[in-house]
Protein backbone atom coordinates (compact mmCIF):
# COMPACT_ATOMS: atom_id res chain seq x y z
CA UNK A 1 -73.67 -0.08 -7.77
CA UNK A 2 -73.00 -2.45 -4.87
CA UNK A 3 -69.49 -2.97 -3.51
CA UNK A 4 -68.24 -5.22 -0.74
CA UNK A 5 -65.00 -4.93 1.24
CA UNK A 6 -62.66 -7.76 2.24
CA UNK A 7 -59.85 -6.90 4.63
CA UNK A 8 -58.40 -6.37 8.08
CA UNK A 9 -60.91 -4.97 10.57
CA UNK A 10 -58.87 -5.22 13.79
CA UNK A 11 -59.21 -2.24 16.09
CA UNK A 12 -56.53 0.42 15.51
CA UNK A 13 -54.60 -1.48 12.87
CA UNK A 14 -53.53 0.97 10.19
CA UNK A 15 -55.13 -1.02 7.35
CA UNK A 16 -58.45 -1.15 9.20
CA UNK A 17 -58.24 2.60 9.90
CA UNK A 18 -57.87 3.26 6.18
CA UNK A 19 -60.58 0.87 5.07
CA UNK A 20 -63.13 1.91 7.69
CA UNK A 21 -62.85 5.63 6.91
CA UNK A 22 -62.97 4.95 3.17
CA UNK A 23 -66.05 2.79 3.69
CA UNK A 24 -67.89 5.58 5.51
CA UNK A 25 -67.07 8.11 2.82
CA UNK A 26 -68.05 5.76 0.00
CA UNK A 27 -71.34 4.96 1.71
CA UNK A 28 -72.03 8.68 2.04
CA UNK A 29 -71.12 9.25 -1.61
CA UNK A 30 -73.14 6.38 -3.05
CA UNK A 31 -75.98 6.17 -0.54
CA UNK A 32 -75.43 2.40 -0.35
CA UNK A 33 -74.18 0.23 2.50
CA UNK A 34 -70.87 -1.54 1.98
CA UNK A 35 -70.71 -4.95 3.68
CA UNK A 36 -67.36 -6.01 5.14
CA UNK A 37 -65.94 -9.53 5.21
CA UNK A 38 -63.06 -10.12 7.63
CA UNK A 39 -61.40 -13.05 9.36
CA UNK A 40 -58.83 -14.27 11.87
CA UNK A 41 -55.61 -12.47 11.05
CA UNK A 42 -52.00 -12.71 12.18
CA UNK A 43 -52.27 -10.14 14.99
CA UNK A 44 -54.96 -10.80 17.58
CA UNK A 45 -56.41 -14.08 16.47
CA UNK A 46 -53.55 -16.52 15.94
CA UNK A 47 -52.24 -17.39 19.41
CA UNK A 48 -54.07 -20.17 21.25
CA UNK A 49 -55.99 -17.62 23.42
CA UNK A 50 -56.64 -15.54 20.33
CA UNK A 51 -58.02 -18.50 18.41
CA UNK A 52 -60.39 -19.33 21.25
CA UNK A 53 -61.38 -15.68 21.54
CA UNK A 54 -62.11 -15.46 17.83
CA UNK A 55 -64.91 -17.97 18.31
CA UNK A 56 -66.52 -16.25 21.27
CA UNK A 57 -65.62 -12.55 21.70
CA UNK A 58 -63.93 -11.56 18.43
CA UNK A 59 -66.26 -8.55 18.09
CA UNK A 60 -64.54 -6.83 21.04
CA UNK A 61 -61.37 -6.50 18.96
CA UNK A 62 -62.97 -5.19 15.79
CA UNK A 63 -63.12 -1.64 14.45
CA UNK A 64 -66.91 -2.07 14.34
CA UNK A 65 -69.12 -5.14 14.91
CA UNK A 66 -71.22 -4.77 11.76
CA UNK A 67 -69.10 -7.20 9.72
CA UNK A 68 -69.19 -10.81 8.58
CA UNK A 69 -66.39 -12.56 10.48
CA UNK A 70 -65.01 -15.80 9.02
CA UNK A 71 -63.87 -17.96 11.93
CA UNK A 72 -60.84 -19.64 10.41
CA UNK A 73 -57.59 -19.42 12.44
CA UNK A 74 -54.49 -18.22 10.62
CA UNK A 75 -51.07 -19.76 11.22
CA UNK A 76 -47.66 -18.22 10.60
CA UNK A 77 -45.09 -20.56 9.04
CA UNK A 78 -42.58 -20.15 11.85
CA UNK A 79 -39.34 -22.10 11.93
CA UNK A 80 -40.07 -24.89 14.39
CA UNK A 81 -39.36 -28.59 14.25
CA UNK A 82 -39.62 -30.16 10.81
CA UNK A 83 -42.81 -31.98 11.75
CA UNK A 84 -44.29 -28.81 13.24
CA UNK A 85 -43.41 -26.80 10.14
CA UNK A 86 -44.89 -29.39 7.80
CA UNK A 87 -48.08 -29.50 9.87
CA UNK A 88 -48.37 -25.71 9.78
CA UNK A 89 -47.67 -25.69 6.05
CA UNK A 90 -50.37 -28.27 5.36
CA UNK A 91 -52.90 -26.36 7.46
CA UNK A 92 -51.94 -23.07 5.80
CA UNK A 93 -52.52 -24.45 2.33
CA UNK A 94 -55.95 -25.67 3.35
CA UNK A 95 -56.95 -22.59 5.37
CA UNK A 96 -55.94 -19.98 2.79
CA UNK A 97 -57.69 -21.83 -0.04
CA UNK A 98 -60.77 -22.11 2.16
CA UNK A 99 -60.51 -18.47 3.24
CA UNK A 100 -60.12 -17.18 -0.31
CA UNK A 101 -63.08 -19.23 -1.46
CA UNK A 102 -65.24 -17.88 1.39
CA UNK A 103 -64.18 -14.32 0.57
CA UNK A 104 -65.40 -14.85 -2.98
CA UNK A 105 -68.61 -16.59 -1.91
CA UNK A 106 -69.59 -13.96 0.64
CA UNK A 107 -69.10 -11.06 -1.81
CA UNK A 108 -70.67 -12.68 -4.87
CA UNK A 109 -73.92 -10.67 -4.57
CA UNK A 110 -71.99 -7.40 -4.98
CA UNK A 111 -71.19 -5.80 -8.32
CA UNK A 112 -67.64 -5.30 -7.08
CA UNK A 113 -65.62 -7.26 -4.53
CA UNK A 114 -62.88 -4.98 -3.17
CA UNK A 115 -59.99 -6.90 -1.57
CA UNK A 116 -57.74 -4.84 0.73
CA UNK A 117 -54.41 -6.66 0.72
CA UNK A 118 -52.28 -6.26 3.83
CA UNK A 119 -50.77 -9.26 5.60
CA UNK A 120 -51.46 -12.76 6.92
CA UNK A 121 -55.09 -13.70 6.27
CA UNK A 122 -55.33 -10.81 3.81
CA UNK A 123 -52.04 -11.52 2.03
CA UNK A 124 -51.01 -13.20 -1.19
CA UNK A 125 -52.10 -16.73 -0.30
CA UNK A 126 -55.75 -15.91 0.34
CA UNK A 127 -55.80 -13.31 -2.44
CA UNK A 128 -54.81 -15.77 -5.16
CA UNK A 129 -57.61 -18.14 -4.19
CA UNK A 130 -60.10 -15.29 -3.89
CA UNK A 131 -59.30 -14.16 -7.44
CA UNK A 132 -59.59 -17.71 -8.72
CA UNK A 133 -63.07 -18.21 -7.25
CA UNK A 134 -64.52 -14.70 -7.68
CA UNK A 135 -67.27 -14.40 -10.31
CA UNK A 136 -67.92 -10.67 -10.09
CA UNK A 137 -65.72 -7.65 -10.81
CA UNK A 138 -62.70 -7.45 -8.52
CA UNK A 139 -60.60 -4.54 -7.25
CA UNK A 140 -57.47 -5.04 -5.13
CA UNK A 141 -55.99 -2.29 -2.97
CA UNK A 142 -52.39 -3.09 -2.02
CA UNK A 143 -51.46 -1.77 1.40
CA UNK A 144 -48.54 -4.16 1.64
CA UNK A 145 -47.05 -6.90 -0.53
CA UNK A 146 -46.51 -10.30 1.07
CA UNK A 147 -42.88 -11.35 1.67
CA UNK A 148 -43.06 -14.04 -1.01
CA UNK A 149 -43.92 -11.33 -3.55
CA UNK A 150 -40.79 -9.43 -2.60
CA UNK A 151 -38.54 -12.42 -3.19
CA UNK A 152 -40.49 -13.62 -6.25
CA UNK A 153 -41.75 -10.46 -8.00
CA UNK A 154 -43.05 -12.51 -10.91
CA UNK A 155 -45.91 -13.53 -8.61
CA UNK A 156 -47.20 -9.96 -8.82
CA UNK A 157 -48.68 -10.83 -12.19
CA UNK A 158 -51.59 -12.19 -10.18
CA UNK A 159 -52.98 -8.64 -10.22
CA UNK A 160 -53.67 -9.06 -13.92
CA UNK A 161 -56.46 -11.41 -12.83
CA UNK A 162 -58.19 -8.51 -11.04
CA UNK A 163 -60.17 -5.89 -12.93
CA UNK A 164 -58.25 -3.09 -11.23
CA UNK A 165 -55.47 -2.65 -8.69
CA UNK A 166 -55.06 0.39 -6.44
CA UNK A 167 -51.68 1.41 -5.01
CA UNK A 168 -50.71 4.36 -2.82
CA UNK A 169 -47.60 5.55 -4.68
CA UNK A 170 -46.30 5.77 -8.22
CA UNK A 171 -43.19 4.06 -6.83
CA UNK A 172 -45.30 0.93 -6.23
CA UNK A 173 -47.02 1.31 -9.60
CA UNK A 174 -43.67 1.25 -11.37
CA UNK A 175 -42.55 -1.76 -9.35
CA UNK A 176 -45.66 -3.70 -10.37
CA UNK A 177 -45.25 -2.78 -14.03
CA UNK A 178 -41.66 -4.03 -13.94
CA UNK A 179 -43.03 -7.25 -12.44
CA UNK A 180 -45.35 -7.77 -15.39
CA UNK A 181 -48.59 -6.16 -14.21
CA UNK A 182 -50.52 -4.39 -16.97
CA UNK A 183 -50.10 -0.64 -16.50
CA UNK A 184 -53.69 0.13 -17.51
CA UNK A 185 -54.98 -1.92 -14.58
CA UNK A 186 -53.10 0.07 -11.93
CA UNK A 187 -54.55 3.21 -10.29
CA UNK A 188 -52.67 5.41 -7.82
CA UNK A 189 -54.79 6.66 -4.91
CA UNK A 190 -52.95 7.97 -1.82
CA UNK A 191 -53.64 7.15 1.80
CA UNK A 192 -56.17 9.30 3.63
CA UNK A 193 -56.20 10.98 7.03
CA UNK A 194 -58.57 12.88 9.28
CA UNK A 195 -57.66 16.55 9.65
CA UNK A 196 -58.25 18.41 12.90
CA UNK A 197 -57.62 22.06 13.86
CA UNK A 198 -54.03 22.74 14.83
CA UNK A 199 -53.79 23.29 18.62
CA UNK A 200 -52.10 26.37 20.02
CA UNK A 201 -49.82 24.23 22.18
CA UNK A 202 -46.21 23.83 21.05
CA UNK A 203 -45.37 20.21 20.21
CA UNK A 204 -42.56 18.42 21.99
CA UNK A 205 -40.31 15.60 20.82
CA UNK A 206 -40.56 13.50 17.69
CA UNK A 207 -43.04 10.71 16.99
CA UNK A 208 -42.48 7.59 14.89
CA UNK A 209 -44.81 4.88 13.66
CA UNK A 210 -42.58 1.89 14.35
CA UNK A 211 -45.10 -0.93 14.16
CA UNK A 212 -44.41 -4.28 12.54
CA UNK A 213 -42.42 -4.88 10.42
CA UNK A 214 -39.65 -2.98 12.20
CA UNK A 215 -36.34 -4.84 12.05
CA UNK A 216 -34.08 -3.53 9.22
CA UNK A 217 -37.14 -2.09 7.47
CA UNK A 218 -38.07 1.23 9.07
CA UNK A 219 -34.56 2.65 9.50
CA UNK A 220 -34.73 2.80 13.28
CA UNK A 221 -31.03 1.98 13.75
CA UNK A 222 -30.10 5.12 11.77
CA UNK A 223 -32.55 7.25 13.72
CA UNK A 224 -31.11 5.95 17.00
CA UNK A 225 -27.65 7.04 15.88
CA UNK A 226 -29.02 10.50 15.01
CA UNK A 227 -30.64 10.82 18.43
CA UNK A 228 -27.34 9.84 20.02
CA UNK A 229 -25.58 12.64 18.10
CA UNK A 230 -28.05 15.21 19.37
CA UNK A 231 -27.76 13.90 22.92
CA UNK A 232 -23.98 14.16 22.80
CA UNK A 233 -24.35 17.80 21.70
CA UNK A 234 -26.33 18.51 24.87
CA UNK A 235 -29.65 19.21 23.13
CA UNK A 236 -31.45 15.84 23.02
CA UNK A 237 -34.80 15.16 21.37
CA UNK A 238 -37.19 12.64 22.86
CA UNK A 239 -38.78 10.04 20.59
CA UNK A 240 -42.29 8.64 21.00
CA UNK A 241 -42.72 5.24 19.30
CA UNK A 242 -46.05 3.61 18.54
CA UNK A 243 -47.37 0.60 16.68
CA UNK A 244 -48.09 -3.10 17.04
CA UNK A 245 -45.02 -5.34 17.31
CA UNK A 246 -44.58 -9.00 16.48
CA UNK A 247 -42.45 -11.24 18.70
CA UNK A 248 -38.86 -10.05 18.96
CA UNK A 249 -39.31 -6.67 17.26
CA UNK A 250 -39.62 -4.48 20.34
CA UNK A 251 -36.79 -6.44 21.97
CA UNK A 252 -34.61 -5.74 18.91
CA UNK A 253 -35.38 -2.02 19.17
CA UNK A 254 -34.56 -2.01 22.88
CA UNK A 255 -31.16 -3.57 22.09
CA UNK A 256 -30.49 -0.79 19.56
CA UNK A 257 -31.58 1.83 22.09
CA UNK A 258 -29.28 0.43 24.77
CA UNK A 259 -26.37 0.20 22.34
CA UNK A 260 -26.69 3.90 21.50
CA UNK A 261 -27.28 4.89 25.15
CA UNK A 262 -30.56 6.70 24.50
CA UNK A 263 -32.78 4.77 26.93
CA UNK A 264 -33.82 8.03 28.59
CA UNK A 265 -35.11 9.48 25.31
CA UNK A 266 -37.59 6.79 24.29
CA UNK A 267 -41.28 6.62 25.17
CA UNK A 268 -43.50 3.72 24.03
CA UNK A 269 -47.07 4.74 23.20
CA UNK A 270 -50.27 2.85 22.46
CA UNK A 271 -53.67 4.23 21.54
CA UNK A 272 -57.22 3.07 22.08
CA UNK A 273 -58.66 5.32 19.37
CA UNK A 274 -57.74 7.18 16.20
CA UNK A 275 -58.46 10.46 17.98
CA UNK A 276 -55.86 9.60 20.62
CA UNK A 277 -53.32 8.92 17.89
CA UNK A 278 -54.00 12.26 16.21
CA UNK A 279 -53.72 14.02 19.58
CA UNK A 280 -50.29 12.44 20.15
CA UNK A 281 -49.12 13.61 16.73
CA UNK A 282 -50.34 17.15 17.32
CA UNK A 283 -48.46 17.22 20.63
CA UNK A 284 -45.22 16.32 18.84
CA UNK A 285 -42.67 18.66 17.32
CA UNK A 286 -42.38 16.49 14.21
CA UNK A 287 -43.06 13.07 12.74
CA UNK A 288 -39.90 11.20 11.75
CA UNK A 289 -40.09 8.50 9.06
CA UNK A 290 -36.62 7.11 8.30
CA UNK A 291 -38.02 4.11 6.42
CA UNK A 292 -35.83 2.18 4.01
CA UNK A 293 -38.15 -0.61 2.83
CA UNK A 294 -41.75 -0.04 3.89
CA UNK A 295 -44.70 1.98 2.62
CA UNK A 296 -44.69 5.22 4.66
CA UNK A 297 -48.08 6.62 3.69
CA UNK A 298 -49.94 6.16 6.99
CA UNK A 299 -47.72 8.30 9.27
CA UNK A 300 -47.06 10.86 6.53
CA UNK A 301 -50.73 11.58 5.92
CA UNK A 302 -51.64 11.64 9.64
CA UNK A 303 -48.85 14.13 10.33
CA UNK A 304 -49.50 16.36 7.34
CA UNK A 305 -53.27 16.45 7.84
CA UNK A 306 -52.74 17.66 11.40
CA UNK A 307 -50.08 20.29 10.87
CA UNK A 308 -47.11 18.25 12.09
CA UNK A 309 -43.81 18.70 10.18
CA UNK A 310 -42.42 15.52 8.61
CA UNK A 311 -38.82 14.40 8.43
CA UNK A 312 -38.59 11.44 6.07
CA UNK A 313 -36.20 9.47 3.92
CA UNK A 314 -36.16 9.57 0.14
CA UNK A 315 -37.13 5.88 -0.17
CA UNK A 316 -40.34 4.01 -1.06
CA UNK A 317 -42.14 6.86 -2.80
CA UNK A 318 -42.05 9.24 0.17
CA UNK A 319 -41.19 12.34 -1.94
CA UNK A 320 -44.50 11.88 -3.81
CA UNK A 321 -46.36 12.88 -0.65
CA UNK A 322 -44.07 15.74 0.33
CA UNK A 323 -43.67 17.29 -3.10
CA UNK A 324 -46.08 20.10 -2.26
CA UNK A 325 -44.40 20.94 1.04
CA UNK A 326 -44.87 19.84 4.61
CA UNK A 327 -41.60 18.16 5.37
CA UNK A 328 -37.88 17.66 4.95
CA UNK A 329 -36.54 14.80 2.83
CA UNK A 330 -33.24 13.20 3.81
CA UNK A 331 -31.12 10.49 2.27
CA UNK A 332 -32.16 7.00 3.37
CA UNK A 333 -29.75 5.28 5.80
CA UNK A 334 -28.09 8.59 6.71
CA UNK A 335 -27.94 9.25 10.46
CA UNK A 336 -26.13 12.51 9.77
CA UNK A 337 -28.88 13.92 7.54
CA UNK A 338 -31.53 12.81 10.02
CA UNK A 339 -29.67 14.64 12.79
CA UNK A 340 -29.36 17.79 10.65
CA UNK A 341 -33.07 17.79 9.86
CA UNK A 342 -34.02 17.25 13.51
CA UNK A 343 -31.76 20.15 14.53
CA UNK A 344 -33.39 22.40 11.96
CA UNK A 345 -36.94 21.63 13.08
CA UNK A 346 -36.00 21.83 16.76
CA UNK A 347 -34.19 25.18 16.52
CA UNK A 348 -36.31 27.07 13.96
CA UNK A 349 -39.85 27.83 15.09
CA UNK A 350 -40.74 29.60 11.83
CA UNK A 351 -39.67 26.51 9.88
CA UNK A 352 -41.85 24.29 12.04
CA UNK A 353 -44.88 26.51 11.58
CA UNK A 354 -44.30 26.84 7.83
CA UNK A 355 -43.91 23.11 7.27
CA UNK A 356 -46.97 22.38 9.39
CA UNK A 357 -49.18 24.81 7.47
CA UNK A 358 -47.89 23.63 4.09
CA UNK A 359 -48.49 20.00 4.95
CA UNK A 360 -52.00 20.61 6.22
CA UNK A 361 -52.95 22.54 3.08
CA UNK A 362 -51.69 19.71 0.86
CA UNK A 363 -53.43 17.04 2.96
CA UNK A 364 -56.80 18.77 2.98
CA UNK A 365 -56.66 18.93 -0.81
CA UNK A 366 -55.23 15.48 -1.59
CA UNK A 367 -55.76 13.16 1.41
CA UNK A 368 -59.27 13.99 2.63
CA UNK A 369 -61.54 10.95 2.85
CA UNK A 370 -64.18 12.38 0.52
CA UNK A 371 -61.50 13.00 -2.12
CA UNK A 372 -60.27 9.41 -1.89
CA UNK A 373 -63.84 8.08 -1.93
CA UNK A 374 -64.51 9.90 -5.18
CA UNK A 375 -61.31 8.52 -6.73
CA UNK A 376 -62.18 4.99 -5.60
CA UNK A 377 -65.73 5.36 -6.93
CA UNK A 378 -64.25 6.41 -10.28
CA UNK A 379 -62.22 3.18 -10.34
CA UNK A 380 -65.40 1.21 -9.66
CA UNK A 381 -67.17 2.94 -12.54
CA UNK A 382 -64.20 2.33 -14.81
CA UNK A 383 -64.29 -1.37 -13.97
CA UNK A 384 -68.05 -1.73 -14.44
CA UNK A 385 -67.85 0.03 -17.78
CA UNK A 386 -65.36 -2.55 -18.96
CA UNK A 387 -62.28 -0.43 -18.45
CA UNK A 388 -63.31 2.09 -21.08
């Protein structure tokens, strides 16, 4: 069995972290190399300097250099002048058809072409062309739906053109079925995470993955209100925020922070490696995930796998990950419940230790890379056997 990956491979982007670890585990399981096809995306490679860099030193921004990089700049359809918008739109139609066709061409010698859908150059537009041109068996893992799929859910029926679709929550599975995707084509496989020994150092503060998209999606405004409540009580909790931000997102968060008067409680973090990220989580008292409209699986699994208690909302399938313990679930959009949960974790050491141990036990059983590799391999076999 030969499989090929298509997807984001930018250094320290959450989708690349997932795909690269899964690739290693699948290669170990099958004994076969898995080639990776990637391209200019909407993060590093779409500004003018980024476009130039993608033709000369793109490998310096990749998770690993052993990939086939399609040099085809991606453009966001930003609201500019009418002429500028129309020019971008025309280029986008050409580039995404071309990109999708190249994805299919470069994976045609594999038994299975595995498309990892995230955003921009790996979103709906390139996916639909890839599926149209692909001649081999196709599997699509959905890390994130494109905005147009949110506003036009009937477009999700495109997944019926794939031989199998992998999602990370049953919440997403149900959403796709309601959109007209055949239930028998959908497989639920959770996110994975690397687990390290729990350090003997007490964690301090909370940590939040706040990367793009952030505005009105990850519930930060409600968390800011909760932090303000705790500050007013005289027992503040610091918040460490990390992630990659698109233009205007960090500025929006700073405005929220200033409005609530919690400037002194916020620390902005960035990481050069996955190990650094895990270290930051293990040095935190808890991971807080107040999301209201975004898949939360990445920070949940990192926290649980490394013994860090989770405080999370009840939205977007989050309870599916915490059902076996490891965290506290609060009502989405409730600053009061967030504040109560933060108080509980801050003031009760036994609760922190218990949640951390429970979460780690669940993660080592459900979210280990070798477990996910086996589940993915089973999907491949199912597809090659004709879905029987």
